[in-house]
């Protein structure tokens, strides 16, 4: 019985760790995607601003 409870505990702990690991990777992916989008957006606006200044 004790062994069964121990196995249940470790299995739950494993699932819990899996969940947090997946959540962490998911957050990291979205964070990277957001930073990348922000970088390209800034680069785009910077180029557009430079072109506008050249026109003036």
PDB file of N, CA and C in Angstrom:
ATOM      1  N   UNK A   1       0.825  -1.200   0.000  1.00  0.00           N
ATOM      2  CA  UNK A   1       0.000   0.000   0.000  1.00  0.00           C
ATOM      3  C   UNK A   1       0.866   1.259   0.000  1.00  0.00           C
ATOM      4  N   UNK A   2       1.912   1.228   0.811  1.00  0.00           N
ATOM      5  CA  UNK A   2       2.809   2.381   0.864  1.00  0.00           C
ATOM      6  C   UNK A   2       3.478   2.607  -0.487  1.00  0.00           C
ATOM      7  N   UNK A   3       3.893   1.509  -1.119  1.00  0.00           N
ATOM      8  CA  UNK A   3       4.530   1.607  -2.433  1.00  0.00           C
ATOM      9  C   UNK A   3       3.554   2.201  -3.450  1.00  0.00           C
ATOM     10  N   UNK A   4       2.315   1.785  -3.383  1.00  0.00           N
ATOM     11  CA  UNK A   4       1.302   2.305  -4.294  1.00  0.00           C
ATOM     12  C   UNK A   4       1.145   3.816  -4.113  1.00  0.00           C
ATOM     13  N   UNK A   5       1.070   4.269  -2.853  1.00  0.00           N
ATOM     14  CA  UNK A   5       0.934   5.702  -2.591  1.00  0.00           C
ATOM     15  C   UNK A   5       2.152   6.476  -3.074  1.00  0.00           C
ATOM     16  N   UNK A   6       3.312   5.884  -2.877  1.00  0.00           N
ATOM     17  CA  UNK A   6       4.550   6.528  -3.313  1.00  0.00           C
ATOM     18  C   UNK A   6       4.561   6.683  -4.836  1.00  0.00           C
ATOM     19  N   UNK A   7       4.150   5.611  -5.523  1.00  0.00           N
ATOM     20  CA  UNK A   7       4.100   5.677  -6.988  1.00  0.00           C
ATOM     21  C   UNK A   7       3.087   6.726  -7.447  1.00  0.00           C
ATOM     22  N   UNK A   8       1.955   6.786  -6.785  1.00  0.00           N
ATOM     23  CA  UNK A   8       0.950   7.799  -7.137  1.00  0.00           C
ATOM     24  C   UNK A   8       1.525   9.201  -6.966  1.00  0.00           C
ATOM     25  N   UNK A   9       2.220   9.395  -5.862  1.00  0.00           N
ATOM     26  CA  UNK A   9       2.817  10.703  -5.582  1.00  0.00           C
ATOM     27  C   UNK A   9       3.824  11.093  -6.671  1.00  0.00           C
ATOM     28  N   UNK A  10       4.718  10.157  -7.023  1.00  0.00           N
ATOM     29  CA  UNK A  10       5.727  10.473  -8.027  1.00  0.00           C
ATOM     30  C   UNK A  10       5.103  10.697  -9.396  1.00  0.00           C
ATOM     31  N   UNK A  11       4.060   9.944  -9.693  1.00  0.00           N
ATOM     32  CA  UNK A  11       3.399  10.124 -10.977  1.00  0.00           C
ATOM     33  C   UNK A  11       2.750  11.515 -11.051  1.00  0.00           C
ATOM     34  N   UNK A  12       2.088  11.904  -9.949  1.00  0.00           N
ATOM     35  CA  UNK A  12       1.492  13.241  -9.902  1.00  0.00           C
ATOM     36  C   UNK A  12       2.565  14.317 -10.012  1.00  0.00           C
ATOM     37  N   UNK A  13       3.678  14.113  -9.316  1.00  0.00           N
ATOM     38  CA  UNK A  13       4.765  15.091  -9.363  1.00  0.00           C
ATOM     39  C   UNK A  13       5.320  15.198 -10.783  1.00  0.00           C
ATOM     40  N   UNK A  14       5.422  14.052 -11.449  1.00  0.00           N
ATOM     41  CA  UNK A  14       5.914  14.038 -12.827  1.00  0.00           C
ATOM     42  C   UNK A  14       4.967  14.823 -13.741  1.00  0.00           C
ATOM     43  N   UNK A  15       3.673  14.575 -13.608  1.00  0.00           N
ATOM     44  CA  UNK A  15       2.697  15.293 -14.429  1.00  0.00           C
ATOM     45  C   UNK A  15       2.743  16.791 -14.146  1.00  0.00           C
ATOM     46  N   UNK A  16       2.906  17.125 -12.881  1.00  0.00           N
ATOM     47  CA  UNK A  16       2.981  18.526 -12.477  1.00  0.00           C
ATOM     48  C   UNK A  16       4.197  19.199 -13.122  1.00  0.00           C
ATOM     49  N   UNK A  17       5.343  18.503 -13.072  1.00  0.00           N
ATOM     50  CA  UNK A  17       6.548  19.048 -13.700  1.00  0.00           C
ATOM     51  C   UNK A  17       6.377  19.176 -15.201  1.00  0.00           C
ATOM     52  N   UNK A  18       5.763  18.168 -15.815  1.00  0.00           N
ATOM     53  CA  UNK A  18       5.517  18.227 -17.257  1.00  0.00           C
ATOM     54  C   UNK A  18       4.662  19.442 -17.593  1.00  0.00           C
ATOM     55  N   UNK A  19       3.632  19.665 -16.798  1.00  0.00           N
ATOM     56  CA  UNK A  19       2.750  20.791 -17.041  1.00  0.00           C
ATOM     57  C   UNK A  19       3.509  22.112 -16.962  1.00  0.00           C
ATOM     58  N   UNK A  20       4.310  22.282 -15.934  1.00  0.00           N
ATOM     59  CA  UNK A  20       5.049  23.541 -15.788  1.00  0.00           C
ATOM     60  C   UNK A  20       6.093  23.706 -16.858  1.00  0.00           C
ATOM     61  N   UNK A  21       6.719  22.611 -17.252  1.00  0.00           N
ATOM     62  CA  UNK A  21       7.725  22.684 -18.309  1.00  0.00           C
ATOM     63  C   UNK A  21       7.073  23.111 -19.624  1.00  0.00           C
ATOM     64  N   UNK A  22       5.920  22.487 -19.934  1.00  0.00           N
ATOM     65  CA  UNK A  22       5.194  22.869 -21.151  1.00  0.00           C
ATOM     66  C   UNK A  22       4.748  24.326 -21.077  1.00  0.00           C
ATOM     67  N   UNK A  23       4.259  24.742 -19.926  1.00  0.00           N
ATOM     68  CA  UNK A  23       3.805  26.122 -19.769  1.00  0.00           C
ATOM     69  C   UNK A  23       4.973  27.079 -19.948  1.00  0.00           C
ATOM     70  N   UNK A  24       6.129  26.707 -19.412  1.00  0.00           N
ATOM     71  CA  UNK A  24       7.315  27.548 -19.538  1.00  0.00           C
ATOM     72  C   UNK A  24       7.734  27.674 -21.003  1.00  0.00           C
ATOM     73  N   UNK A  25       7.763  26.537 -21.722  1.00  0.00           N
ATOM     74  CA  UNK A  25       8.132  26.582 -23.135  1.00  0.00           C
ATOM     75  C   UNK A  25       7.137  27.415 -23.928  1.00  0.00           C
ATOM     76  N   UNK A  26       5.871  27.277 -23.602  1.00  0.00           N
ATOM     77  CA  UNK A  26       4.825  28.034 -24.288  1.00  0.00           C
ATOM     78  C   UNK A  26       5.029  29.536 -24.058  1.00  0.00           C
ATOM     79  N   UNK A  27       5.281  29.916 -22.794  1.00  0.00           N
ATOM     80  CA  UNK A  27       5.546  31.326 -22.492  1.00  0.00           C
ATOM     81  C   UNK A  27       6.790  31.815 -23.217  1.00  0.00           C
ATOM     82  N   UNK A  28       7.837  31.000 -23.212  1.00  0.00           N
ATOM     83  CA  UNK A  28       9.084  31.393 -23.863  1.00  0.00           C
ATOM     84  C   UNK A  28       8.848  31.593 -25.357  1.00  0.00           C
ATOM     85  N   UNK A  29       8.063  30.711 -25.964  1.00  0.00           N
ATOM     86  CA  UNK A  29       7.777  30.835 -27.387  1.00  0.00           C
ATOM     87  C   UNK A  29       7.044  32.144 -27.680  1.00  0.00           C
ATOM     88  N   UNK A  30       6.004  32.437 -26.888  1.00  0.00           N
ATOM     89  CA  UNK A  30       5.245  33.657 -27.143  1.00  0.00           C
ATOM     90  C   UNK A  30       6.057  34.895 -26.843  1.00  0.00           C
ATOM     91  N   UNK A  31       6.904  34.807 -25.811  1.00  0.00           N
ATOM     92  CA  UNK A  31       7.751  35.950 -25.477  1.00  0.00           C
ATOM     93  C   UNK A  31       8.729  36.238 -26.618  1.00  0.00           C
ATOM     94  N   UNK A  32       9.351  35.168 -27.142  1.00  0.00           N
ATOM     95  CA  UNK A  32      10.269  35.341 -28.271  1.00  0.00           C
ATOM     96  C   UNK A  32       9.535  35.883 -29.489  1.00  0.00           C
ATOM     97  N   UNK A  33       8.357  35.359 -29.757  1.00  0.00           N
ATOM     98  CA  UNK A  33       7.587  35.819 -30.916  1.00  0.00           C
ATOM     99  C   UNK A  33       7.226  37.291 -30.754  1.00  0.00           C
ATOM    100  N   UNK A  34       6.875  37.685 -29.546  1.00  0.00           N
ATOM    101  CA  UNK A  34       6.525  39.076 -29.288  1.00  0.00           C
ATOM    102  C   UNK A  34       7.735  39.978 -29.492  1.00  0.00           C
ATOM    103  N   UNK A  35       8.886  39.579 -28.949  1.00  0.00           N
ATOM    104  CA  UNK A  35      10.097  40.393 -29.102  1.00  0.00           C
ATOM    105  C   UNK A  35      10.496  40.498 -30.568  1.00  0.00           C
ATOM    106  N   UNK A  36      10.371  39.381 -31.282  1.00  0.00           N
ATOM    107  CA  UNK A  36      10.727  39.389 -32.698  1.00  0.00           C
ATOM    108  C   UNK A  36       9.797  40.319 -33.476  1.00  0.00           C
ATOM    109  N   UNK A  37       8.497  40.229 -33.201  1.00  0.00           N
ATOM    110  CA  UNK A  37       7.540  41.120 -33.857  1.00  0.00           C
ATOM    111  C   UNK A  37       7.848  42.576 -33.533  1.00  0.00           C
ATOM    112  N   UNK A  38       8.147  42.853 -32.269  1.00  0.00           N
ATOM    113  CA  UNK A  38       8.439  44.229 -31.867  1.00  0.00           C
ATOM    114  C   UNK A  38       9.687  44.726 -32.582  1.00  0.00           C
ATOM    115  N   UNK A  39      10.686  43.862 -32.703  1.00  0.00           N
ATOM    116  CA  UNK A  39      11.925  44.240 -33.374  1.00  0.00           C
ATOM    117  C   UNK A  39      11.654  44.583 -34.844  1.00  0.00           C
ATOM    118  N   UNK A  40      10.902  43.728 -35.537  1.00  0.00           N
ATOM    119  CA  UNK A  40      10.635  43.976 -36.948  1.00  0.00           C
ATOM    120  C   UNK A  40       9.743  45.197 -37.135  1.00  0.00           C
ATOM    121  N   UNK A  41       8.804  45.366 -36.208  1.00  0.00           N
ATOM    122  CA  UNK A  41       7.923  46.516 -36.292  1.00  0.00           C
ATOM    123  C   UNK A  41       8.722  47.807 -36.124  1.00  0.00           C
ATOM    124  N   UNK A  42       9.628  47.812 -35.133  1.00  0.00           N
ATOM    125  CA  UNK A  42      10.466  48.993 -34.922  1.00  0.00           C
ATOM    126  C   UNK A  42      11.357  49.248 -36.127  1.00  0.00           C
ATOM    127  N   UNK A  43      11.917  48.185 -36.698  1.00  0.00           N
ATOM    128  CA  UNK A  43      12.777  48.343 -37.865  1.00  0.00           C
ATOM    129  C   UNK A  43      11.968  48.916 -39.028  1.00  0.00           C
ATOM    130  N   UNK A  44      10.748  48.444 -39.195  1.00  0.00           N
ATOM    131  CA  UNK A  44       9.891  48.936 -40.266  1.00  0.00           C
ATOM    132  C   UNK A  44       9.590  50.429 -40.084  1.00  0.00           C
ATOM    133  N   UNK A  45       9.198  50.800 -38.854  1.00  0.00           N
ATOM    134  CA  UNK A  45       8.870  52.197 -38.619  1.00  0.00           C
ATOM    135  C   UNK A  45      10.093  53.086 -38.724  1.00  0.00           C
ATOM    136  N   UNK A  46      11.238  52.586 -38.317  1.00  0.00           N
ATOM    137  CA  UNK A  46      12.472  53.359 -38.418  1.00  0.00           C
ATOM    138  C   UNK A  46      12.785  53.632 -39.888  1.00  0.00           C
ATOM    139  N   UNK A  47      12.649  52.585 -40.738  1.00  0.00           N
ATOM    140  CA  UNK A  47      12.893  52.757 -42.171  1.00  0.00           C
ATOM    141  C   UNK A  47      11.887  53.726 -42.777  1.00  0.00           C
ATOM    142  N   UNK A  48      10.636  53.586 -42.388  1.00  0.00           N
ATOM    143  CA  UNK A  48       9.601  54.464 -42.926  1.00  0.00           C
ATOM    144  C   UNK A  48       9.878  55.917 -42.518  1.00  0.00           C
ATOM    145  N   UNK A  49      10.309  56.116 -41.290  1.00  0.00           N
ATOM    146  CA  UNK A  49      10.613  57.455 -40.791  1.00  0.00           C
ATOM    147  C   UNK A  49      11.802  58.044 -41.550  1.00  0.00           C
ATOM    148  N   UNK A  50      12.817  57.227 -41.797  1.00  0.00           N
ATOM    149  CA  UNK A  50      13.985  57.693 -42.550  1.00  0.00           C
ATOM    150  C   UNK A  50      13.586  58.081 -43.969  1.00  0.00           C
ATOM    151  N   UNK A  51      12.745  57.266 -44.599  1.00  0.00           N
ATOM    152  CA  UNK A  51      12.289  57.583 -45.953  1.00  0.00           C
ATOM    153  C   UNK A  51      11.507  58.889 -45.968  1.00  0.00           C
ATOM    154  N   UNK A  52      10.693  59.088 -44.936  1.00  0.00           N
ATOM    155  CA  UNK A  52       9.923  60.318 -44.839  1.00  0.00           C
ATOM    156  C   UNK A  52      10.850  61.519 -44.704  1.00  0.00           C
ATOM    157  N   UNK A  53      11.879  61.394 -43.898  1.00  0.00           N
ATOM    158  CA  UNK A  53      12.848  62.486 -43.735  1.00  0.00           C
ATOM    159  C   UNK A  53      13.585  62.755 -45.035  1.00  0.00           C
ATOM    160  N   UNK A  54      13.890  61.701 -45.788  1.00  0.00           N
ATOM    161  CA  UNK A  54      14.563  61.879 -47.075  1.00  0.00           C
ATOM    162  C   UNK A  54      13.681  62.645 -48.051  1.00  0.00           C
ATOM    163  N   UNK A  55      12.376  62.393 -47.978  1.00  0.00           N
ATOM    164  CA  UNK A  55      11.439  63.070 -48.873  1.00  0.00           C
ATOM    165  C   UNK A  55      11.361  64.568 -48.569  1.00  0.00           C
ATOM    166  N   UNK A  56      11.516  64.926 -47.288  1.00  0.00           N
ATOM    167  CA  UNK A  56      11.445  66.334 -46.890  1.00  0.00           C
ATOM    168  C   UNK A  56      12.740  66.993 -47.207  1.00  0.00           C
TER     169      UNK A  56
END
